[in-house]
Every structure is written in C-alpha cells, then in structure tokens.
Amino acid sequence: MLFGKLILQTAQRDAAGRTYQHMDMESIEALNLALENYEGTLIFVSHDREFVSSLATRIIELDATGVIDFSGTYDEYLRSRGYV
C-alpha cells in the first residue's frame, strides 16, 4: 500500500508502469485499489490487459492513420473495434 500512496503523491511520475511487472499479487491489488480511488486523471500505458480493463474509462489509440479517442471501458473499446 505504501507504493500506491507514493504513486498518488507523485502523480506526475511514471513509476507505476516501470515497476508494476515486479510486484507480487497483493501489491498489484493494493495499487489497483489506490488508483481506482484516485480522483485525479491517470494517464498510463500498459501491456497488461487486466490492469487496463480495471482502470480505463477512456482509450486513446495512436496508429498510422491517426488518433482514435474512445470514451468507455477497455472492453467496450475492443468490442467497438471488432477485436472481440
């Protein structure tokens, strides 16, 4: 939980994405809970679909044709793009 508190106190830093893969399950769950309760804006990039699904409410995808700005959950985004 201390790690989650540190992340929230220094929201401008990119510490979560860099160390997330080295955390145990209890720490990951504590971080997710802390981020879910955070009232500010989170901008993150992650390869972990479960992490993205648990937090994302807006998806911005950059590809060769431009920018896709989708308001909704990650699962809704995947359905809207025909990926699932």
PDB file of N, CA and C in Angstrom:
ATOM      1  N   MET A   1       0.825  -1.195   0.000  1.00  0.00           N
ATOM      2  CA  MET A   1       0.000   0.000   0.000  1.00  0.00           C
ATOM      3  C   MET A   1       0.866   1.254   0.000  1.00  0.00           C
ATOM      4  N   LEU A   2       2.021   1.162   0.595  1.00  0.00           N
ATOM      5  CA  LEU A   2       2.930   2.302   0.618  1.00  0.00           C
ATOM      6  C   LEU A   2       3.295   2.718  -0.800  1.00  0.00           C
ATOM      7  N   PHE A   3       3.495   1.727  -1.688  1.00  0.00           N
ATOM      8  CA  PHE A   3       3.830   2.039  -3.072  1.00  0.00           C
ATOM      9  C   PHE A   3       2.692   2.813  -3.739  1.00  0.00           C
ATOM     10  N   GLY A   4       1.441   2.379  -3.509  1.00  0.00           N
ATOM     11  CA  GLY A   4       0.288   3.086  -4.061  1.00  0.00           C
ATOM     12  C   GLY A   4       0.205   4.510  -3.558  1.00  0.00           C
ATOM     13  N   LYS A   5       0.486   4.710  -2.283  1.00  0.00           N
ATOM     14  CA  LYS A   5       0.478   6.051  -1.702  1.00  0.00           C
ATOM     15  C   LYS A   5       1.560   6.916  -2.343  1.00  0.00           C
ATOM     16  N   LEU A   6       2.725   6.344  -2.546  1.00  0.00           N
ATOM     17  CA  LEU A   6       3.813   7.066  -3.193  1.00  0.00           C
ATOM     18  C   LEU A   6       3.418   7.493  -4.606  1.00  0.00           C
ATOM     19  N   ILE A   7       2.800   6.579  -5.344  1.00  0.00           N
ATOM     20  CA  ILE A   7       2.373   6.884  -6.705  1.00  0.00           C
ATOM     21  C   ILE A   7       1.383   8.041  -6.700  1.00  0.00           C
ATOM     22  N   LEU A   8       0.415   7.998  -5.790  1.00  0.00           N
ATOM     23  CA  LEU A   8      -0.611   9.034  -5.757  1.00  0.00           C
ATOM     24  C   LEU A   8      -0.051  10.382  -5.330  1.00  0.00           C
ATOM     25  N   GLN A   9       0.966  10.380  -4.490  1.00  0.00           N
ATOM     26  CA  GLN A   9       1.564  11.635  -4.051  1.00  0.00           C
ATOM     27  C   GLN A   9       2.424  12.251  -5.139  1.00  0.00           C
ATOM     28  N   THR A  10       2.918  11.464  -6.047  1.00  0.00           N
ATOM     29  CA  THR A  10       3.766  11.954  -7.128  1.00  0.00           C
ATOM     30  C   THR A  10       3.137  11.572  -8.462  1.00  0.00           C
ATOM     31  N   ALA A  11       1.939  12.059  -8.701  1.00  0.00           N
ATOM     32  CA  ALA A  11       1.146  11.647  -9.866  1.00  0.00           C
ATOM     33  C   ALA A  11       1.832  11.942 -11.192  1.00  0.00           C
ATOM     34  N   GLN A  12       2.723  12.900 -11.242  1.00  0.00           N
ATOM     35  CA  GLN A  12       3.385  13.244 -12.493  1.00  0.00           C
ATOM     36  C   GLN A  12       4.431  12.209 -12.887  1.00  0.00           C
ATOM     37  N   ARG A  13       4.821  11.356 -11.987  1.00  0.00           N
ATOM     38  CA  ARG A  13       5.866  10.377 -12.264  1.00  0.00           C
ATOM     39  C   ARG A  13       5.317   9.152 -12.955  1.00  0.00           C
ATOM     40  N   ASP A  14       6.180   8.455 -13.629  1.00  0.00           N
ATOM     41  CA  ASP A  14       5.826   7.252 -14.366  1.00  0.00           C
ATOM     42  C   ASP A  14       6.307   6.005 -13.624  1.00  0.00           C
ATOM     43  N   ALA A  15       6.262   6.012 -12.330  1.00  0.00           N
ATOM     44  CA  ALA A  15       6.816   4.900 -11.552  1.00  0.00           C
ATOM     45  C   ALA A  15       5.962   3.639 -11.644  1.00  0.00           C
ATOM     46  N   ALA A  16       4.652   3.763 -11.763  1.00  0.00           N
ATOM     47  CA  ALA A  16       3.783   2.585 -11.742  1.00  0.00           C
ATOM     48  C   ALA A  16       4.091   1.644 -12.893  1.00  0.00           C
ATOM     49  N   GLY A  17       4.174   2.154 -14.086  1.00  0.00           N
ATOM     50  CA  GLY A  17       4.405   1.313 -15.246  1.00  0.00           C
ATOM     51  C   GLY A  17       5.752   0.633 -15.237  1.00  0.00           C
ATOM     52  N   ARG A  18       6.722   1.250 -14.657  1.00  0.00           N
ATOM     53  CA  ARG A  18       8.072   0.686 -14.674  1.00  0.00           C
ATOM     54  C   ARG A  18       8.270  -0.422 -13.656  1.00  0.00           C
ATOM     55  N   THR A  19       7.531  -0.388 -12.565  1.00  0.00           N
ATOM     56  CA  THR A  19       7.763  -1.384 -11.527  1.00  0.00           C
ATOM     57  C   THR A  19       6.606  -2.367 -11.384  1.00  0.00           C
ATOM     58  N   TYR A  20       5.525  -2.150 -12.057  1.00  0.00           N
ATOM     59  CA  TYR A  20       4.324  -2.980 -11.937  1.00  0.00           C
ATOM     60  C   TYR A  20       4.630  -4.448 -12.190  1.00  0.00           C
ATOM     61  N   GLN A  21       5.467  -4.749 -13.164  1.00  0.00           N
ATOM     62  CA  GLN A  21       5.748  -6.130 -13.521  1.00  0.00           C
ATOM     63  C   GLN A  21       6.543  -6.875 -12.451  1.00  0.00           C
ATOM     64  N   HIS A  22       7.121  -6.172 -11.506  1.00  0.00           N
ATOM     65  CA  HIS A  22       7.934  -6.810 -10.466  1.00  0.00           C
ATOM     66  C   HIS A  22       7.204  -6.908  -9.132  1.00  0.00           C
ATOM     67  N   MET A  23       5.915  -6.598  -9.117  1.00  0.00           N
ATOM     68  CA  MET A  23       5.153  -6.587  -7.873  1.00  0.00           C
ATOM     69  C   MET A  23       4.461  -7.926  -7.652  1.00  0.00           C
ATOM     70  N   ASP A  24       4.272  -8.300  -6.354  1.00  0.00           N
ATOM     71  CA  ASP A  24       3.510  -9.504  -6.056  1.00  0.00           C
ATOM     72  C   ASP A  24       2.018  -9.197  -6.167  1.00  0.00           C
ATOM     73  N   MET A  25       1.185 -10.234  -6.138  1.00  0.00           N
ATOM     74  CA  MET A  25      -0.256 -10.072  -6.371  1.00  0.00           C
ATOM     75  C   MET A  25      -0.907  -9.131  -5.360  1.00  0.00           C
ATOM     76  N   GLU A  26      -0.532  -9.249  -4.101  1.00  0.00           N
ATOM     77  CA  GLU A  26      -1.114  -8.388  -3.068  1.00  0.00           C
ATOM     78  C   GLU A  26      -0.788  -6.917  -3.337  1.00  0.00           C
ATOM     79  N   SER A  27       0.427  -6.638  -3.756  1.00  0.00           N
ATOM     80  CA  SER A  27       0.828  -5.264  -4.055  1.00  0.00           C
ATOM     81  C   SER A  27       0.110  -4.733  -5.288  1.00  0.00           C
ATOM     82  N   ILE A  28      -0.055  -5.583  -6.296  1.00  0.00           N
ATOM     83  CA  ILE A  28      -0.773  -5.181  -7.512  1.00  0.00           C
ATOM     84  C   ILE A  28      -2.218  -4.831  -7.177  1.00  0.00           C
ATOM     85  N   GLU A  29      -2.866  -5.662  -6.365  1.00  0.00           N
ATOM     86  CA  GLU A  29      -4.248  -5.394  -5.971  1.00  0.00           C
ATOM     87  C   GLU A  29      -4.355  -4.106  -5.159  1.00  0.00           C
ATOM     88  N   ALA A  30      -3.400  -3.868  -4.271  1.00  0.00           N
ATOM     89  CA  ALA A  30      -3.401  -2.640  -3.475  1.00  0.00           C
ATOM     90  C   ALA A  30      -3.204  -1.420  -4.372  1.00  0.00           C
ATOM     91  N   LEU A  31      -2.313  -1.525  -5.349  1.00  0.00           N
ATOM     92  CA  LEU A  31      -2.097  -0.428  -6.283  1.00  0.00           C
ATOM     93  C   LEU A  31      -3.353  -0.164  -7.105  1.00  0.00           C
ATOM     94  N   ASN A  32      -3.985  -1.223  -7.622  1.00  0.00           N
ATOM     95  CA  ASN A  32      -5.218  -1.043  -8.393  1.00  0.00           C
ATOM     96  C   ASN A  32      -6.287  -0.355  -7.558  1.00  0.00           C
ATOM     97  N   LEU A  33      -6.453  -0.775  -6.318  1.00  0.00           N
ATOM     98  CA  LEU A  33      -7.449  -0.167  -5.438  1.00  0.00           C
ATOM     99  C   LEU A  33      -7.145   1.310  -5.215  1.00  0.00           C
ATOM    100  N   ALA A  34      -5.890   1.621  -4.956  1.00  0.00           N
ATOM    101  CA  ALA A  34      -5.499   3.017  -4.738  1.00  0.00           C
ATOM    102  C   ALA A  34      -5.749   3.849  -5.989  1.00  0.00           C
ATOM    103  N   LEU A  35      -5.434   3.306  -7.153  1.00  0.00           N
ATOM    104  CA  LEU A  35      -5.649   4.042  -8.405  1.00  0.00           C
ATOM    105  C   LEU A  35      -7.133   4.186  -8.720  1.00  0.00           C
ATOM    106  N   GLU A  36      -7.936   3.169  -8.414  1.00  0.00           N
ATOM    107  CA  GLU A  36      -9.385   3.263  -8.617  1.00  0.00           C
ATOM    108  C   GLU A  36      -9.982   4.374  -7.768  1.00  0.00           C
ATOM    109  N   ASN A  37      -9.456   4.572  -6.577  1.00  0.00           N
ATOM    110  CA  ASN A  37      -9.982   5.582  -5.659  1.00  0.00           C
ATOM    111  C   ASN A  37      -9.386   6.962  -5.881  1.00  0.00           C
ATOM    112  N   TYR A  38      -8.377   7.066  -6.718  1.00  0.00           N
ATOM    113  CA  TYR A  38      -7.745   8.349  -7.010  1.00  0.00           C
ATOM    114  C   TYR A  38      -8.716   9.212  -7.802  1.00  0.00           C
ATOM    115  N   GLU A  39      -8.923  10.439  -7.382  1.00  0.00           N
ATOM    116  CA  GLU A  39      -9.916  11.303  -8.014  1.00  0.00           C
ATOM    117  C   GLU A  39      -9.357  12.133  -9.162  1.00  0.00           C
ATOM    118  N   GLY A  40      -8.064  12.106  -9.362  1.00  0.00           N
ATOM    119  CA  GLY A  40      -7.455  12.871 -10.443  1.00  0.00           C
ATOM    120  C   GLY A  40      -7.457  12.100 -11.751  1.00  0.00           C
ATOM    121  N   THR A  41      -6.708  12.609 -12.693  1.00  0.00           N
ATOM    122  CA  THR A  41      -6.582  11.984 -14.007  1.00  0.00           C
ATOM    123  C   THR A  41      -5.360  11.085 -14.041  1.00  0.00           C
ATOM    124  N   LEU A  42      -5.532   9.890 -14.563  1.00  0.00           N
ATOM    125  CA  LEU A  42      -4.422   8.954 -14.747  1.00  0.00           C
ATOM    126  C   LEU A  42      -4.167   8.800 -16.233  1.00  0.00           C
ATOM    127  N   ILE A  43      -2.932   8.894 -16.623  1.00  0.00           N
ATOM    128  CA  ILE A  43      -2.528   8.594 -17.992  1.00  0.00           C
ATOM    129  C   ILE A  43      -1.515   7.472 -17.884  1.00  0.00           C
ATOM    130  N   PHE A  44      -1.815   6.345 -18.513  1.00  0.00           N
ATOM    131  CA  PHE A  44      -0.897   5.221 -18.408  1.00  0.00           C
ATOM    132  C   PHE A  44      -0.857   4.433 -19.709  1.00  0.00           C
ATOM    133  N   VAL A  45       0.236   3.738 -19.883  1.00  0.00           N
ATOM    134  CA  VAL A  45       0.447   2.814 -20.991  1.00  0.00           C
ATOM    135  C   VAL A  45       0.785   1.485 -20.352  1.00  0.00           C
ATOM    136  N   SER A  46       0.112   0.422 -20.782  1.00  0.00           N
ATOM    137  CA  SER A  46       0.372  -0.869 -20.169  1.00  0.00           C
ATOM    138  C   SER A  46       0.133  -1.992 -21.166  1.00  0.00           C
ATOM    139  N   HIS A  47       0.908  -3.050 -21.030  1.00  0.00           N
ATOM    140  CA  HIS A  47       0.698  -4.264 -21.816  1.00  0.00           C
ATOM    141  C   HIS A  47      -0.253  -5.212 -21.095  1.00  0.00           C
ATOM    142  N   ASP A  48      -0.573  -4.902 -19.861  1.00  0.00           N
ATOM    143  CA  ASP A  48      -1.388  -5.769 -19.021  1.00  0.00           C
ATOM    144  C   ASP A  48      -2.865  -5.443 -19.240  1.00  0.00           C
ATOM    145  N   ARG A  49      -3.557  -6.296 -19.989  1.00  0.00           N
ATOM    146  CA  ARG A  49      -4.963  -6.038 -20.323  1.00  0.00           C
ATOM    147  C   ARG A  49      -5.856  -5.993 -19.090  1.00  0.00           C
ATOM    148  N   GLU A  50      -5.564  -6.825 -18.104  1.00  0.00           N
ATOM    149  CA  GLU A  50      -6.367  -6.820 -16.886  1.00  0.00           C
ATOM    150  C   GLU A  50      -6.221  -5.480 -16.157  1.00  0.00           C
ATOM    151  N   PHE A  51      -5.016  -4.963 -16.086  1.00  0.00           N
ATOM    152  CA  PHE A  51      -4.763  -3.662 -15.464  1.00  0.00           C
ATOM    153  C   PHE A  51      -5.520  -2.566 -16.204  1.00  0.00           C
ATOM    154  N   VAL A  52      -5.426  -2.562 -17.527  1.00  0.00           N
ATOM    155  CA  VAL A  52      -6.124  -1.555 -18.330  1.00  0.00           C
ATOM    156  C   VAL A  52      -7.632  -1.682 -18.136  1.00  0.00           C
ATOM    157  N   SER A  53      -8.149  -2.912 -18.207  1.00  0.00           N
ATOM    158  CA  SER A  53      -9.589  -3.134 -18.059  1.00  0.00           C
ATOM    159  C   SER A  53     -10.112  -2.678 -16.704  1.00  0.00           C
ATOM    160  N   SER A  54      -9.292  -2.799 -15.678  1.00  0.00           N
ATOM    161  CA  SER A  54      -9.749  -2.436 -14.334  1.00  0.00           C
ATOM    162  C   SER A  54      -9.794  -0.935 -14.102  1.00  0.00           C
ATOM    163  N   LEU A  55      -9.097  -0.156 -14.935  1.00  0.00           N
ATOM    164  CA  LEU A  55      -8.999   1.283 -14.668  1.00  0.00           C
ATOM    165  C   LEU A  55      -9.489   2.200 -15.787  1.00  0.00           C
ATOM    166  N   ALA A  56      -9.296   1.805 -17.023  1.00  0.00           N
ATOM    167  CA  ALA A  56      -9.516   2.728 -18.135  1.00  0.00           C
ATOM    168  C   ALA A  56     -10.987   3.069 -18.342  1.00  0.00           C
ATOM    169  N   THR A  57     -11.260   4.358 -18.512  1.00  0.00           N
ATOM    170  CA  THR A  57     -12.596   4.841 -18.866  1.00  0.00           C
ATOM    171  C   THR A  57     -12.551   5.654 -20.160  1.00  0.00           C
ATOM    172  N   ARG A  58     -11.359   5.788 -20.706  1.00  0.00           N
ATOM    173  CA  ARG A  58     -11.155   6.466 -21.981  1.00  0.00           C
ATOM    174  C   ARG A  58      -9.893   5.882 -22.619  1.00  0.00           C
ATOM    175  N   ILE A  59      -9.979   5.564 -23.889  1.00  0.00           N
ATOM    176  CA  ILE A  59      -8.862   4.970 -24.611  1.00  0.00           C
ATOM    177  C   ILE A  59      -8.451   5.926 -25.726  1.00  0.00           C
ATOM    178  N   ILE A  60      -7.174   6.210 -25.806  1.00  0.00           N
ATOM    179  CA  ILE A  60      -6.637   7.000 -26.915  1.00  0.00           C
ATOM    180  C   ILE A  60      -5.621   6.115 -27.624  1.00  0.00           C
ATOM    181  N   GLU A  61      -5.945   5.758 -28.861  1.00  0.00           N
ATOM    182  CA  GLU A  61      -5.070   4.897 -29.650  1.00  0.00           C
ATOM    183  C   GLU A  61      -4.428   5.714 -30.760  1.00  0.00           C
ATOM    184  N   LEU A  62      -3.121   5.568 -30.888  1.00  0.00           N
ATOM    185  CA  LEU A  62      -2.385   6.219 -31.960  1.00  0.00           C
ATOM    186  C   LEU A  62      -1.973   5.140 -32.944  1.00  0.00           C
ATOM    187  N   ASP A  63      -2.327   5.316 -34.215  1.00  0.00           N
ATOM    188  CA  ASP A  63      -1.884   4.369 -35.229  1.00  0.00           C
ATOM    189  C   ASP A  63      -1.479   5.130 -36.488  1.00  0.00           C
ATOM    190  N   ALA A  64      -1.159   4.417 -37.528  1.00  0.00           N
ATOM    191  CA  ALA A  64      -0.649   5.036 -38.753  1.00  0.00           C
ATOM    192  C   ALA A  64      -1.661   5.963 -39.414  1.00  0.00           C
ATOM    193  N   THR A  65      -2.941   5.750 -39.154  1.00  0.00           N
ATOM    194  CA  THR A  65      -3.973   6.580 -39.785  1.00  0.00           C
ATOM    195  C   THR A  65      -4.383   7.780 -38.942  1.00  0.00           C
ATOM    196  N   GLY A  66      -3.944   7.833 -37.704  1.00  0.00           N
ATOM    197  CA  GLY A  66      -4.295   8.972 -36.858  1.00  0.00           C
ATOM    198  C   GLY A  66      -4.579   8.573 -35.426  1.00  0.00           C
ATOM    199  N   VAL A  67      -5.490   9.321 -34.804  1.00  0.00           N
ATOM    200  CA  VAL A  67      -5.813   9.152 -33.385  1.00  0.00           C
ATOM    201  C   VAL A  67      -7.254   8.677 -33.255  1.00  0.00           C
ATOM    202  N   ILE A  68      -7.456   7.669 -32.424  1.00  0.00           N
ATOM    203  CA  ILE A  68      -8.799   7.224 -32.069  1.00  0.00           C
ATOM    204  C   ILE A  68      -9.001   7.578 -30.610  1.00  0.00           C
ATOM    205  N   ASP A  69     -10.018   8.380 -30.337  1.00  0.00           N
ATOM    206  CA  ASP A  69     -10.332   8.807 -28.971  1.00  0.00           C
ATOM    207  C   ASP A  69     -11.668   8.181 -28.601  1.00  0.00           C
ATOM    208  N   PHE A  70     -11.645   7.200 -27.715  1.00  0.00           N
ATOM    209  CA  PHE A  70     -12.840   6.445 -27.353  1.00  0.00           C
ATOM    210  C   PHE A  70     -13.174   6.661 -25.887  1.00  0.00           C
ATOM    211  N   SER A  71     -14.389   7.079 -25.593  1.00  0.00           N
ATOM    212  CA  SER A  71     -14.852   7.207 -24.210  1.00  0.00           C
ATOM    213  C   SER A  71     -15.609   5.951 -23.837  1.00  0.00           C
ATOM    214  N   GLY A  72     -15.088   5.223 -22.887  1.00  0.00           N
ATOM    215  CA  GLY A  72     -15.699   3.978 -22.439  1.00  0.00           C
ATOM    216  C   GLY A  72     -14.633   3.072 -21.871  1.00  0.00           C
ATOM    217  N   THR A  73     -15.054   1.895 -21.454  1.00  0.00           N
ATOM    218  CA  THR A  73     -14.112   0.941 -20.862  1.00  0.00           C
ATOM    219  C   THR A  73     -13.279   0.282 -21.950  1.00  0.00           C
ATOM    220  N   TYR A  74     -12.238  -0.394 -21.526  1.00  0.00           N
ATOM    221  CA  TYR A  74     -11.377  -1.086 -22.477  1.00  0.00           C
ATOM    222  C   TYR A  74     -12.137  -2.206 -23.187  1.00  0.00           C
ATOM    223  N   ASP A  75     -12.972  -2.933 -22.455  1.00  0.00           N
ATOM    224  CA  ASP A  75     -13.775  -3.994 -23.074  1.00  0.00           C
ATOM    225  C   ASP A  75     -14.741  -3.424 -24.112  1.00  0.00           C
ATOM    226  N   GLU A  76     -15.349  -2.290 -23.810  1.00  0.00           N
ATOM    227  CA  GLU A  76     -16.238  -1.629 -24.786  1.00  0.00           C
ATOM    228  C   GLU A  76     -15.460  -1.193 -26.018  1.00  0.00           C
ATOM    229  N   TYR A  77     -14.269  -0.690 -25.793  1.00  0.00           N
ATOM    230  CA  TYR A  77     -13.411  -0.278 -26.903  1.00  0.00           C
ATOM    231  C   TYR A  77     -13.088  -1.465 -27.813  1.00  0.00           C
ATOM    232  N   LEU A  78     -12.691  -2.588 -27.214  1.00  0.00           N
ATOM    233  CA  LEU A  78     -12.367  -3.781 -28.009  1.00  0.00           C
ATOM    234  C   LEU A  78     -13.567  -4.235 -28.823  1.00  0.00           C
ATOM    235  N   ARG A  79     -14.766  -4.218 -28.220  1.00  0.00           N
ATOM    236  CA  ARG A  79     -15.979  -4.601 -28.952  1.00  0.00           C
ATOM    237  C   ARG A  79     -16.268  -3.623 -30.087  1.00  0.00           C
ATOM    238  N   SER A  80     -16.090  -2.326 -29.840  1.00  0.00           N
ATOM    239  CA  SER A  80     -16.392  -1.321 -30.864  1.00  0.00           C
ATOM    240  C   SER A  80     -15.464  -1.424 -32.068  1.00  0.00           C
ATOM    241  N   ARG A  81     -14.255  -1.932 -31.833  1.00  0.00           N
ATOM    242  CA  ARG A  81     -13.273  -2.081 -32.917  1.00  0.00           C
ATOM    243  C   ARG A  81     -13.345  -3.459 -33.563  1.00  0.00           C
ATOM    244  N   GLY A  82     -14.210  -4.338 -33.043  1.00  0.00           N
ATOM    245  CA  GLY A  82     -14.360  -5.679 -33.595  1.00  0.00           C
ATOM    246  C   GLY A  82     -13.244  -6.626 -33.227  1.00  0.00           C
ATOM    247  N   TYR A  83     -12.529  -6.327 -32.132  1.00  0.00           N
ATOM    248  CA  TYR A  83     -11.422  -7.180 -31.701  1.00  0.00           C
ATOM    249  C   TYR A  83     -11.911  -8.377 -30.890  1.00  0.00           C
ATOM    250  N   VAL A  84     -13.127  -8.322 -30.370  1.00  0.00           N
ATOM    251  CA  VAL A  84     -13.688  -9.456 -29.615  1.00  0.00           C
ATOM    252  C   VAL A  84     -15.098  -9.735 -30.079  1.00  0.00           C
TER     253      VAL A  84
END
